[in-house]
Amino acid sequence: THPNFRYSTFKNTEGADPATKFIDNFKSAYYIRLDAHDKAGV
């Protein structure tokens, strides 16, 4: 029912656009579970 086909709003290439920046050192809160020695100073 929609004969006028649309395609990507971006340049659809195999890899990312070189101008696009990606963050790998992202920010988050974290749950950290330790198995610790039961002694003073730990």
PDB file of all heavy atoms in Angstrom:
ATOM      1  N   THR A   1       0.796  -1.228   0.000  1.00  0.00           N
ATOM      2  CA  THR A   1       0.000   0.000   0.000  1.00  0.00           C
ATOM      3  C   THR A   1       0.832   1.283   0.000  1.00  0.00           C
ATOM      4  O   THR A   1       0.271   2.381   0.014  1.00  0.00           O
ATOM      5  CB  THR A   1      -0.949   0.015   1.223  1.00  0.00           C
ATOM      6  OG1 THR A   1      -0.179  -0.131   2.430  1.00  0.00           O
ATOM      7  CG2 THR A   1      -1.959  -1.124   1.133  1.00  0.00           C
ATOM      8  N   HIS A   2       2.164   1.136   0.012  1.00  0.00           N
ATOM      9  CA  HIS A   2       3.056   2.304  -0.026  1.00  0.00           C
ATOM     10  C   HIS A   2       4.081   2.104  -1.153  1.00  0.00           C
ATOM     11  O   HIS A   2       5.179   1.607  -0.928  1.00  0.00           O
ATOM     12  CB  HIS A   2       3.778   2.502   1.315  1.00  0.00           C
ATOM     13  CG  HIS A   2       2.874   2.906   2.426  1.00  0.00           C
ATOM     14  ND1 HIS A   2       2.003   2.026   3.041  1.00  0.00           N
ATOM     15  CD2 HIS A   2       2.695   4.109   3.051  1.00  0.00           C
ATOM     16  CE1 HIS A   2       1.337   2.663   3.987  1.00  0.00           C
ATOM     17  NE2 HIS A   2       1.732   3.923   4.015  1.00  0.00           N
ATOM     18  N   PRO A   3       3.729   2.488  -2.366  1.00  0.00           N
ATOM     19  CA  PRO A   3       4.582   2.205  -3.519  1.00  0.00           C
ATOM     20  C   PRO A   3       5.869   3.006  -3.594  1.00  0.00           C
ATOM     21  O   PRO A   3       6.796   2.641  -4.317  1.00  0.00           O
ATOM     22  CB  PRO A   3       3.682   2.521  -4.717  1.00  0.00           C
ATOM     23  CG  PRO A   3       2.693   3.530  -4.188  1.00  0.00           C
ATOM     24  CD  PRO A   3       2.465   3.158  -2.759  1.00  0.00           C
ATOM     25  N   ASN A   4       5.946   4.120  -2.851  1.00  0.00           N
ATOM     26  CA  ASN A   4       7.171   4.923  -2.870  1.00  0.00           C
ATOM     27  C   ASN A   4       8.099   4.421  -1.763  1.00  0.00           C
ATOM     28  O   ASN A   4       7.963   4.790  -0.596  1.00  0.00           O
ATOM     29  CB  ASN A   4       6.838   6.410  -2.668  1.00  0.00           C
ATOM     30  CG  ASN A   4       5.993   6.972  -3.803  1.00  0.00           C
ATOM     31  OD1 ASN A   4       6.242   6.651  -4.965  1.00  0.00           O
ATOM     32  ND2 ASN A   4       5.008   7.777  -3.469  1.00  0.00           N
ATOM     33  N   PHE A   5       9.026   3.563  -2.152  1.00  0.00           N
ATOM     34  CA  PHE A   5       9.883   2.899  -1.171  1.00  0.00           C
ATOM     35  C   PHE A   5      10.912   3.861  -0.581  1.00  0.00           C
ATOM     36  O   PHE A   5      11.456   4.722  -1.278  1.00  0.00           O
ATOM     37  CB  PHE A   5      10.589   1.705  -1.815  1.00  0.00           C
ATOM     38  CG  PHE A   5       9.646   0.696  -2.388  1.00  0.00           C
ATOM     39  CD1 PHE A   5       9.778   0.263  -3.706  1.00  0.00           C
ATOM     40  CD2 PHE A   5       8.608   0.186  -1.622  1.00  0.00           C
ATOM     41  CE1 PHE A   5       8.908  -0.673  -4.240  1.00  0.00           C
ATOM     42  CE2 PHE A   5       7.731  -0.743  -2.149  1.00  0.00           C
ATOM     43  CZ  PHE A   5       7.870  -1.169  -3.464  1.00  0.00           C
ATOM     44  N   ARG A   6      11.177   3.682   0.713  1.00  0.00           N
ATOM     45  CA  ARG A   6      12.178   4.480   1.405  1.00  0.00           C
ATOM     46  C   ARG A   6      13.317   3.580   1.864  1.00  0.00           C
ATOM     47  O   ARG A   6      13.121   2.383   2.096  1.00  0.00           O
ATOM     48  CB  ARG A   6      11.556   5.180   2.620  1.00  0.00           C
ATOM     49  CG  ARG A   6      10.508   6.208   2.253  1.00  0.00           C
ATOM     50  CD  ARG A   6       9.969   6.880   3.510  1.00  0.00           C
ATOM     51  NE  ARG A   6       9.382   5.909   4.429  1.00  0.00           N
ATOM     52  CZ  ARG A   6       9.068   6.173   5.692  1.00  0.00           C
ATOM     53  NH1 ARG A   6       9.311   7.371   6.183  1.00  0.00           N
ATOM     54  NH2 ARG A   6       8.528   5.260   6.456  1.00  0.00           N
ATOM     55  N   TYR A   7      14.472   4.197   2.025  1.00  0.00           N
ATOM     56  CA  TYR A   7      15.649   3.435   2.441  1.00  0.00           C
ATOM     57  C   TYR A   7      16.285   4.124   3.651  1.00  0.00           C
ATOM     58  O   TYR A   7      15.696   5.012   4.246  1.00  0.00           O
ATOM     59  CB  TYR A   7      16.619   3.297   1.263  1.00  0.00           C
ATOM     60  CG  TYR A   7      15.953   2.723   0.025  1.00  0.00           C
ATOM     61  CD1 TYR A   7      15.580   3.540  -1.043  1.00  0.00           C
ATOM     62  CD2 TYR A   7      15.660   1.360  -0.061  1.00  0.00           C
ATOM     63  CE1 TYR A   7      14.945   3.018  -2.165  1.00  0.00           C
ATOM     64  CE2 TYR A   7      15.018   0.830  -1.187  1.00  0.00           C
ATOM     65  CZ  TYR A   7      14.668   1.666  -2.236  1.00  0.00           C
ATOM     66  OH  TYR A   7      14.034   1.143  -3.328  1.00  0.00           O
ATOM     67  N   SER A   8      17.462   3.722   3.996  1.00  0.00           N
ATOM     68  CA  SER A   8      18.110   4.225   5.208  1.00  0.00           C
ATOM     69  C   SER A   8      18.252   5.748   5.188  1.00  0.00           C
ATOM     70  O   SER A   8      18.495   6.346   4.125  1.00  0.00           O
ATOM     71  CB  SER A   8      19.500   3.600   5.371  1.00  0.00           C
ATOM     72  OG  SER A   8      19.405   2.201   5.534  1.00  0.00           O
ATOM     73  N   THR A   9      18.147   6.338   6.373  1.00  0.00           N
ATOM     74  CA  THR A   9      18.348   7.781   6.509  1.00  0.00           C
ATOM     75  C   THR A   9      19.824   8.118   6.665  1.00  0.00           C
ATOM     76  O   THR A   9      20.181   9.276   6.874  1.00  0.00           O
ATOM     77  CB  THR A   9      17.593   8.314   7.736  1.00  0.00           C
ATOM     78  OG1 THR A   9      18.071   7.623   8.909  1.00  0.00           O
ATOM     79  CG2 THR A   9      16.099   8.087   7.591  1.00  0.00           C
ATOM     80  N   PHE A  10      20.676   7.102   6.575  1.00  0.00           N
ATOM     81  CA  PHE A  10      22.115   7.270   6.741  1.00  0.00           C
ATOM     82  C   PHE A  10      22.821   6.525   5.613  1.00  0.00           C
ATOM     83  O   PHE A  10      22.194   5.741   4.887  1.00  0.00           O
ATOM     84  CB  PHE A  10      22.568   6.715   8.104  1.00  0.00           C
ATOM     85  CG  PHE A  10      22.105   5.295   8.340  1.00  0.00           C
ATOM     86  CD1 PHE A  10      22.887   4.211   7.960  1.00  0.00           C
ATOM     87  CD2 PHE A  10      20.880   5.045   8.937  1.00  0.00           C
ATOM     88  CE1 PHE A  10      22.458   2.912   8.168  1.00  0.00           C
ATOM     89  CE2 PHE A  10      20.441   3.745   9.152  1.00  0.00           C
ATOM     90  CZ  PHE A  10      21.236   2.680   8.770  1.00  0.00           C
ATOM     91  N   LYS A  11      24.098   6.773   5.474  1.00  0.00           N
ATOM     92  CA  LYS A  11      24.883   6.071   4.472  1.00  0.00           C
ATOM     93  C   LYS A  11      25.110   4.639   4.948  1.00  0.00           C
ATOM     94  O   LYS A  11      25.868   4.401   5.880  1.00  0.00           O
ATOM     95  CB  LYS A  11      26.226   6.779   4.238  1.00  0.00           C
ATOM     96  CG  LYS A  11      27.023   6.222   3.064  1.00  0.00           C
ATOM     97  CD  LYS A  11      28.284   7.031   2.848  1.00  0.00           C
ATOM     98  CE  LYS A  11      29.076   6.489   1.652  1.00  0.00           C
ATOM     99  NZ  LYS A  11      30.330   7.262   1.438  1.00  0.00           N
ATOM    100  N   ASN A  12      24.426   3.699   4.294  1.00  0.00           N
ATOM    101  CA  ASN A  12      24.461   2.304   4.736  1.00  0.00           C
ATOM    102  C   ASN A  12      25.634   1.588   4.071  1.00  0.00           C
ATOM    103  O   ASN A  12      25.543   1.111   2.947  1.00  0.00           O
ATOM    104  CB  ASN A  12      23.144   1.609   4.396  1.00  0.00           C
ATOM    105  CG  ASN A  12      23.010   0.281   5.111  1.00  0.00           C
ATOM    106  OD1 ASN A  12      23.907  -0.150   5.822  1.00  0.00           O
ATOM    107  ND2 ASN A  12      21.873  -0.367   4.921  1.00  0.00           N
ATOM    108  N   THR A  13      26.731   1.523   4.785  1.00  0.00           N
ATOM    109  CA  THR A  13      27.945   0.886   4.288  1.00  0.00           C
ATOM    110  C   THR A  13      28.287  -0.322   5.158  1.00  0.00           C
ATOM    111  O   THR A  13      27.646  -0.572   6.176  1.00  0.00           O
ATOM    112  CB  THR A  13      29.112   1.881   4.302  1.00  0.00           C
ATOM    113  OG1 THR A  13      29.200   2.457   5.613  1.00  0.00           O
ATOM    114  CG2 THR A  13      28.892   2.993   3.292  1.00  0.00           C
ATOM    115  N   GLU A  14      29.309  -1.050   4.770  1.00  0.00           N
ATOM    116  CA  GLU A  14      29.691  -2.238   5.545  1.00  0.00           C
ATOM    117  C   GLU A  14      30.171  -1.855   6.937  1.00  0.00           C
ATOM    118  O   GLU A  14      29.833  -2.507   7.933  1.00  0.00           O
ATOM    119  CB  GLU A  14      30.773  -3.025   4.808  1.00  0.00           C
ATOM    120  CG  GLU A  14      31.192  -4.294   5.537  1.00  0.00           C
ATOM    121  CD  GLU A  14      32.179  -5.119   4.746  1.00  0.00           C
ATOM    122  OE1 GLU A  14      32.614  -4.668   3.659  1.00  0.00           O
ATOM    123  OE2 GLU A  14      32.517  -6.233   5.197  1.00  0.00           O
ATOM    124  N   GLY A  15      30.978  -0.803   7.024  1.00  0.00           N
ATOM    125  CA  GLY A  15      31.509  -0.362   8.307  1.00  0.00           C
ATOM    126  C   GLY A  15      30.864   0.936   8.759  1.00  0.00           C
ATOM    127  O   GLY A  15      29.977   1.488   8.098  1.00  0.00           O
ATOM    128  N   ALA A  16      31.302   1.412   9.897  1.00  0.00           N
ATOM    129  CA  ALA A  16      30.763   2.654  10.439  1.00  0.00           C
ATOM    130  C   ALA A  16      31.263   3.856   9.644  1.00  0.00           C
ATOM    131  O   ALA A  16      32.332   3.820   9.023  1.00  0.00           O
ATOM    132  CB  ALA A  16      31.178   2.795  11.904  1.00  0.00           C
ATOM    133  N   ASP A  17      30.497   4.921   9.677  1.00  0.00           N
ATOM    134  CA  ASP A  17      30.924   6.192   9.101  1.00  0.00           C
ATOM    135  C   ASP A  17      32.140   6.679   9.894  1.00  0.00           C
ATOM    136  O   ASP A  17      32.089   6.742  11.124  1.00  0.00           O
ATOM    137  CB  ASP A  17      29.779   7.197   9.216  1.00  0.00           C
ATOM    138  CG  ASP A  17      30.066   8.515   8.500  1.00  0.00           C
ATOM    139  OD1 ASP A  17      31.256   8.919   8.448  1.00  0.00           O
ATOM    140  OD2 ASP A  17      29.122   9.136   8.012  1.00  0.00           O
ATOM    141  N   PRO A  18      33.252   7.013   9.219  1.00  0.00           N
ATOM    142  CA  PRO A  18      34.448   7.473   9.937  1.00  0.00           C
ATOM    143  C   PRO A  18      34.188   8.681  10.838  1.00  0.00           C
ATOM    144  O   PRO A  18      34.914   8.895  11.811  1.00  0.00           O
ATOM    145  CB  PRO A  18      35.417   7.834   8.809  1.00  0.00           C
ATOM    146  CG  PRO A  18      34.972   7.015   7.642  1.00  0.00           C
ATOM    147  CD  PRO A  18      33.483   6.926   7.767  1.00  0.00           C
ATOM    148  N   ALA A  19      33.130   9.448  10.533  1.00  0.00           N
ATOM    149  CA  ALA A  19      32.832  10.634  11.336  1.00  0.00           C
ATOM    150  C   ALA A  19      32.090  10.296  12.629  1.00  0.00           C
ATOM    151  O   ALA A  19      31.958  11.147  13.509  1.00  0.00           O
ATOM    152  CB  ALA A  19      32.007  11.626  10.518  1.00  0.00           C
ATOM    153  N   THR A  20      31.601   9.061  12.746  1.00  0.00           N
ATOM    154  CA  THR A  20      30.856   8.669  13.943  1.00  0.00           C
ATOM    155  C   THR A  20      31.814   8.240  15.047  1.00  0.00           C
ATOM    156  O   THR A  20      32.659   7.368  14.839  1.00  0.00           O
ATOM    157  CB  THR A  20      29.886   7.511  13.631  1.00  0.00           C
ATOM    158  OG1 THR A  20      28.985   7.915  12.598  1.00  0.00           O
ATOM    159  CG2 THR A  20      29.086   7.125  14.861  1.00  0.00           C
ATOM    160  N   LYS A  21      31.673   8.841  16.202  1.00  0.00           N
ATOM    161  CA  LYS A  21      32.516   8.500  17.345  1.00  0.00           C
ATOM    162  C   LYS A  21      31.819   7.468  18.224  1.00  0.00           C
ATOM    163  O   LYS A  21      30.625   7.569  18.488  1.00  0.00           O
ATOM    164  CB  LYS A  21      32.834   9.754  18.172  1.00  0.00           C
ATOM    165  CG  LYS A  21      33.657  10.800  17.435  1.00  0.00           C
ATOM    166  CD  LYS A  21      33.923  12.011  18.334  1.00  0.00           C
ATOM    167  CE  LYS A  21      34.739  13.069  17.611  1.00  0.00           C
ATOM    168  NZ  LYS A  21      34.979  14.257  18.471  1.00  0.00           N
ATOM    169  N   PHE A  22      32.588   6.492  18.662  1.00  0.00           N
ATOM    170  CA  PHE A  22      32.055   5.455  19.541  1.00  0.00           C
ATOM    171  C   PHE A  22      32.780   5.500  20.884  1.00  0.00           C
ATOM    172  O   PHE A  22      33.990   5.749  20.939  1.00  0.00           O
ATOM    173  CB  PHE A  22      32.218   4.072  18.913  1.00  0.00           C
ATOM    174  CG  PHE A  22      31.322   3.836  17.727  1.00  0.00           C
ATOM    175  CD1 PHE A  22      31.734   4.174  16.441  1.00  0.00           C
ATOM    176  CD2 PHE A  22      30.055   3.306  17.901  1.00  0.00           C
ATOM    177  CE1 PHE A  22      30.905   3.972  15.351  1.00  0.00           C
ATOM    178  CE2 PHE A  22      29.215   3.102  16.815  1.00  0.00           C
ATOM    179  CZ  PHE A  22      29.641   3.430  15.537  1.00  0.00           C
ATOM    180  N   ILE A  23      32.023   5.251  21.935  1.00  0.00           N
ATOM    181  CA  ILE A  23      32.567   5.263  23.290  1.00  0.00           C
ATOM    182  C   ILE A  23      32.717   3.832  23.780  1.00  0.00           C
ATOM    183  O   ILE A  23      31.730   3.089  23.834  1.00  0.00           O
ATOM    184  CB  ILE A  23      31.638   6.035  24.248  1.00  0.00           C
ATOM    185  CG1 ILE A  23      31.479   7.483  23.785  1.00  0.00           C
ATOM    186  CG2 ILE A  23      32.158   5.969  25.677  1.00  0.00           C
ATOM    187  CD1 ILE A  23      30.404   8.244  24.541  1.00  0.00           C
ATOM    188  N   ASP A  24      33.933   3.425  24.126  1.00  0.00           N
ATOM    189  CA  ASP A  24      34.118   2.094  24.714  1.00  0.00           C
ATOM    190  C   ASP A  24      34.347   2.185  26.223  1.00  0.00           C
ATOM    191  O   ASP A  24      34.056   1.249  26.965  1.00  0.00           O
ATOM    192  CB  ASP A  24      35.256   1.324  24.037  1.00  0.00           C
ATOM    193  CG  ASP A  24      36.579   2.054  24.080  1.00  0.00           C
ATOM    194  OD1 ASP A  24      36.643   3.175  24.623  1.00  0.00           O
ATOM    195  OD2 ASP A  24      37.574   1.497  23.574  1.00  0.00           O
ATOM    196  N   ASN A  25      34.835   3.333  26.687  1.00  0.00           N
ATOM    197  CA  ASN A  25      35.032   3.523  28.120  1.00  0.00           C
ATOM    198  C   ASN A  25      33.782   4.192  28.689  1.00  0.00           C
ATOM    199  O   ASN A  25      33.811   5.323  29.170  1.00  0.00           O
ATOM    200  CB  ASN A  25      36.271   4.368  28.385  1.00  0.00           C
ATOM    201  CG  ASN A  25      36.657   4.402  29.851  1.00  0.00           C
ATOM    202  OD1 ASN A  25      36.296   3.521  30.624  1.00  0.00           O
ATOM    203  ND2 ASN A  25      37.395   5.415  30.242  1.00  0.00           N
ATOM    204  N   PHE A  26      32.652   3.453  28.615  1.00  0.00           N
ATOM    205  CA  PHE A  26      31.380   4.044  28.989  1.00  0.00           C
ATOM    206  C   PHE A  26      31.240   4.156  30.511  1.00  0.00           C
ATOM    207  O   PHE A  26      31.994   3.546  31.276  1.00  0.00           O
ATOM    208  CB  PHE A  26      30.213   3.240  28.410  1.00  0.00           C
ATOM    209  CG  PHE A  26      30.308   1.748  28.629  1.00  0.00           C
ATOM    210  CD1 PHE A  26      29.905   1.182  29.831  1.00  0.00           C
ATOM    211  CD2 PHE A  26      30.775   0.917  27.619  1.00  0.00           C
ATOM    212  CE1 PHE A  26      29.976  -0.180  30.040  1.00  0.00           C
ATOM    213  CE2 PHE A  26      30.845  -0.456  27.815  1.00  0.00           C
ATOM    214  CZ  PHE A  26      30.448  -0.998  29.025  1.00  0.00           C
ATOM    215  N   LYS A  27      30.264   4.922  30.915  1.00  0.00           N
ATOM    216  CA  LYS A  27      30.009   5.150  32.339  1.00  0.00           C
ATOM    217  C   LYS A  27      28.819   4.318  32.803  1.00  0.00           C
ATOM    218  O   LYS A  27      27.826   4.183  32.095  1.00  0.00           O
ATOM    219  CB  LYS A  27      29.729   6.633  32.612  1.00  0.00           C
ATOM    220  CG  LYS A  27      30.918   7.546  32.360  1.00  0.00           C
ATOM    221  CD  LYS A  27      30.546   8.997  32.644  1.00  0.00           C
ATOM    222  CE  LYS A  27      31.722   9.925  32.387  1.00  0.00           C
ATOM    223  NZ  LYS A  27      31.352  11.344  32.639  1.00  0.00           N
ATOM    224  N   SER A  28      28.937   3.779  34.011  1.00  0.00           N
ATOM    225  CA  SER A  28      27.866   2.992  34.594  1.00  0.00           C
ATOM    226  C   SER A  28      28.105   2.884  36.081  1.00  0.00           C
ATOM    227  O   SER A  28      29.203   3.162  36.573  1.00  0.00           O
ATOM    228  CB  SER A  28      27.826   1.590  33.961  1.00  0.00           C
ATOM    229  OG  SER A  28      26.840   0.784  34.566  1.00  0.00           O
ATOM    230  N   ALA A  29      27.070   2.482  36.817  1.00  0.00           N
ATOM    231  CA  ALA A  29      27.278   2.005  38.181  1.00  0.00           C
ATOM    232  C   ALA A  29      27.562   0.502  38.071  1.00  0.00           C
ATOM    233  O   ALA A  29      27.247  -0.121  37.057  1.00  0.00           O
ATOM    234  CB  ALA A  29      26.047   2.267  39.035  1.00  0.00           C
ATOM    235  N   TYR A  30      28.150  -0.087  39.099  1.00  0.00           N
ATOM    236  CA  TYR A  30      28.567  -1.489  39.032  1.00  0.00           C
ATOM    237  C   TYR A  30      28.253  -2.235  40.324  1.00  0.00           C
ATOM    238  O   TYR A  30      28.362  -1.681  41.423  1.00  0.00           O
ATOM    239  CB  TYR A  30      30.084  -1.593  38.772  1.00  0.00           C
ATOM    240  CG  TYR A  30      30.475  -1.137  37.393  1.00  0.00           C
ATOM    241  CD1 TYR A  30      30.607   0.215  37.102  1.00  0.00           C
ATOM    242  CD2 TYR A  30      30.696  -2.049  36.370  1.00  0.00           C
ATOM    243  CE1 TYR A  30      30.946   0.650  35.835  1.00  0.00           C
ATOM    244  CE2 TYR A  30      31.048  -1.632  35.099  1.00  0.00           C
ATOM    245  CZ  TYR A  30      31.164  -0.285  34.837  1.00  0.00           C
ATOM    246  OH  TYR A  30      31.497   0.143  33.577  1.00  0.00           O
ATOM    247  N   TYR A  31      27.862  -3.491  40.167  1.00  0.00           N
ATOM    248  CA  TYR A  31      27.761  -4.449  41.263  1.00  0.00           C
ATOM    249  C   TYR A  31      29.045  -5.275  41.229  1.00  0.00           C
ATOM    250  O   TYR A  31      29.396  -5.850  40.181  1.00  0.00           O
ATOM    251  CB  TYR A  31      26.538  -5.332  41.039  1.00  0.00           C
ATOM    252  CG  TYR A  31      26.490  -6.649  41.787  1.00  0.00           C
ATOM    253  CD1 TYR A  31      25.748  -6.796  42.949  1.00  0.00           C
ATOM    254  CD2 TYR A  31      27.144  -7.780  41.283  1.00  0.00           C
ATOM    255  CE1 TYR A  31      25.661  -8.020  43.608  1.00  0.00           C
ATOM    256  CE2 TYR A  31      27.068  -9.009  41.935  1.00  0.00           C
ATOM    257  CZ  TYR A  31      26.329  -9.118  43.094  1.00  0.00           C
ATOM    258  OH  TYR A  31      26.240 -10.332  43.729  1.00  0.00           O
ATOM    259  N   ILE A  32      29.760  -5.312  42.342  1.00  0.00           N
ATOM    260  CA  ILE A  32      31.012  -6.069  42.412  1.00  0.00           C
ATOM    261  C   ILE A  32      30.932  -7.002  43.625  1.00  0.00           C
ATOM    262  O   ILE A  32      30.762  -6.537  44.757  1.00  0.00           O
ATOM    263  CB  ILE A  32      32.231  -5.133  42.542  1.00  0.00           C
ATOM    264  CG1 ILE A  32      32.274  -4.144  41.368  1.00  0.00           C
ATOM    265  CG2 ILE A  32      33.530  -5.945  42.611  1.00  0.00           C
ATOM    266  CD1 ILE A  32      33.345  -3.072  41.497  1.00  0.00           C
ATOM    267  N   ARG A  33      31.033  -8.303  43.379  1.00  0.00           N
ATOM    268  CA  ARG A  33      30.998  -9.279  44.478  1.00  0.00           C
ATOM    269  C   ARG A  33      32.377  -9.884  44.673  1.00  0.00           C
ATOM    270  O   ARG A  33      32.989 -10.384  43.714  1.00  0.00           O
ATOM    271  CB  ARG A  33      29.975 -10.379  44.210  1.00  0.00           C
ATOM    272  CG  ARG A  33      29.934 -11.456  45.310  1.00  0.00           C
ATOM    273  CD  ARG A  33      28.630 -12.225  45.293  1.00  0.00           C
ATOM    274  NE  ARG A  33      28.468 -13.059  44.133  1.00  0.00           N
ATOM    275  CZ  ARG A  33      28.734 -14.375  44.091  1.00  0.00           C
ATOM    276  NH1 ARG A  33      29.224 -14.985  45.165  1.00  0.00           N
ATOM    277  NH2 ARG A  33      28.508 -15.060  42.995  1.00  0.00           N
ATOM    278  N   LEU A  34      32.858  -9.811  45.912  1.00  0.00           N
ATOM    279  CA  LEU A  34      34.183 -10.329  46.252  1.00  0.00           C
ATOM    280  C   LEU A  34      34.061 -11.555  47.154  1.00  0.00           C
ATOM    281  O   LEU A  34      33.130 -11.665  47.953  1.00  0.00           O
ATOM    282  CB  LEU A  34      35.004  -9.267  46.988  1.00  0.00           C
ATOM    283  CG  LEU A  34      35.140  -7.876  46.372  1.00  0.00           C
ATOM    284  CD1 LEU A  34      36.041  -7.026  47.258  1.00  0.00           C
ATOM    285  CD2 LEU A  34      35.666  -7.945  44.965  1.00  0.00           C
ATOM    286  N   ASP A  35      35.012 -12.431  47.038  1.00  0.00           N
ATOM    287  CA  ASP A  35      35.222 -13.517  47.996  1.00  0.00           C
ATOM    288  C   ASP A  35      36.456 -13.110  48.798  1.00  0.00           C
ATOM    289  O   ASP A  35      37.586 -13.176  48.294  1.00  0.00           O
ATOM    290  CB  ASP A  35      35.450 -14.831  47.237  1.00  0.00           C
ATOM    291  CG  ASP A  35      35.605 -16.017  48.164  1.00  0.00           C
ATOM    292  OD1 ASP A  35      35.000 -15.997  49.246  1.00  0.00           O
ATOM    293  OD2 ASP A  35      36.344 -16.963  47.806  1.00  0.00           O
ATOM    294  N   ALA A  36      36.222 -12.649  50.054  1.00  0.00           N
ATOM    295  CA  ALA A  36      37.291 -11.988  50.806  1.00  0.00           C
ATOM    296  C   ALA A  36      37.696 -12.790  52.037  1.00  0.00           C
ATOM    297  O   ALA A  36      36.894 -13.532  52.621  1.00  0.00           O
ATOM    298  CB  ALA A  36      36.833 -10.599  51.233  1.00  0.00           C
ATOM    299  N   HIS A  37      38.950 -12.627  52.434  1.00  0.00           N
ATOM    300  CA  HIS A  37      39.420 -13.213  53.698  1.00  0.00           C
ATOM    301  C   HIS A  37      38.720 -12.525  54.861  1.00  0.00           C
ATOM    302  O   HIS A  37      38.546 -11.296  54.849  1.00  0.00           O
ATOM    303  CB  HIS A  37      40.938 -13.042  53.833  1.00  0.00           C
ATOM    304  CG  HIS A  37      41.731 -13.901  52.912  1.00  0.00           C
ATOM    305  ND1 HIS A  37      41.784 -15.273  53.021  1.00  0.00           N
ATOM    306  CD2 HIS A  37      42.500 -13.571  51.837  1.00  0.00           C
ATOM    307  CE1 HIS A  37      42.563 -15.761  52.070  1.00  0.00           C
ATOM    308  NE2 HIS A  37      43.008 -14.752  51.321  1.00  0.00           N
ATOM    309  N   ASP A  38      38.318 -13.293  55.853  1.00  0.00           N
ATOM    310  CA  ASP A  38      37.632 -12.745  57.016  1.00  0.00           C
ATOM    311  C   ASP A  38      38.668 -12.339  58.072  1.00  0.00           C
ATOM    312  O   ASP A  38      38.921 -13.053  59.042  1.00  0.00           O
ATOM    313  CB  ASP A  38      36.670 -13.793  57.594  1.00  0.00           C
ATOM    314  CG  ASP A  38      35.819 -13.224  58.717  1.00  0.00           C
ATOM    315  OD1 ASP A  38      35.658 -11.994  58.765  1.00  0.00           O
ATOM    316  OD2 ASP A  38      35.329 -14.017  59.545  1.00  0.00           O
ATOM    317  N   LYS A  39      39.294 -11.179  57.800  1.00  0.00           N
ATOM    318  CA  LYS A  39      40.302 -10.702  58.738  1.00  0.00           C
ATOM    319  C   LYS A  39      40.356  -9.184  58.693  1.00  0.00           C
ATOM    320  O   LYS A  39      39.858  -8.552  57.750  1.00  0.00           O
ATOM    321  CB  LYS A  39      41.675 -11.287  58.401  1.00  0.00           C
ATOM    322  CG  LYS A  39      42.208 -10.937  57.025  1.00  0.00           C
ATOM    323  CD  LYS A  39      43.551 -11.619  56.770  1.00  0.00           C
ATOM    324  CE  LYS A  39      44.111 -11.239  55.400  1.00  0.00           C
ATOM    325  NZ  LYS A  39      45.414 -11.910  55.136  1.00  0.00           N
ATOM    326  N   ALA A  40      40.969  -8.604  59.698  1.00  0.00           N
ATOM    327  CA  ALA A  40      41.044  -7.152  59.792  1.00  0.00           C
ATOM    328  C   ALA A  40      41.845  -6.567  58.629  1.00  0.00           C
ATOM    329  O   ALA A  40      42.810  -7.160  58.158  1.00  0.00           O
ATOM    330  CB  ALA A  40      41.689  -6.757  61.119  1.00  0.00           C
ATOM    331  N   GLY A  41      41.423  -5.402  58.159  1.00  0.00           N
ATOM    332  CA  GLY A  41      42.165  -4.681  57.126  1.00  0.00           C
ATOM    333  C   GLY A  41      41.727  -4.954  55.712  1.00  0.00           C
ATOM    334  O   GLY A  41      42.151  -4.254  54.783  1.00  0.00           O
ATOM    335  N   VAL A  42      40.878  -5.989  55.537  1.00  0.00           N
ATOM    336  CA  VAL A  42      40.465  -6.336  54.168  1.00  0.00           C
ATOM    337  C   VAL A  42      39.641  -5.217  53.554  1.00  0.00           C
ATOM    338  O   VAL A  42      39.908  -4.768  52.424  1.00  0.00           O
ATOM    339  CB  VAL A  42      39.659  -7.652  54.167  1.00  0.00           C
ATOM    340  CG1 VAL A  42      39.008  -7.869  52.799  1.00  0.00           C
ATOM    341  CG2 VAL A  42      40.567  -8.821  54.496  1.00  0.00           C
TER     342      VAL A  42
END
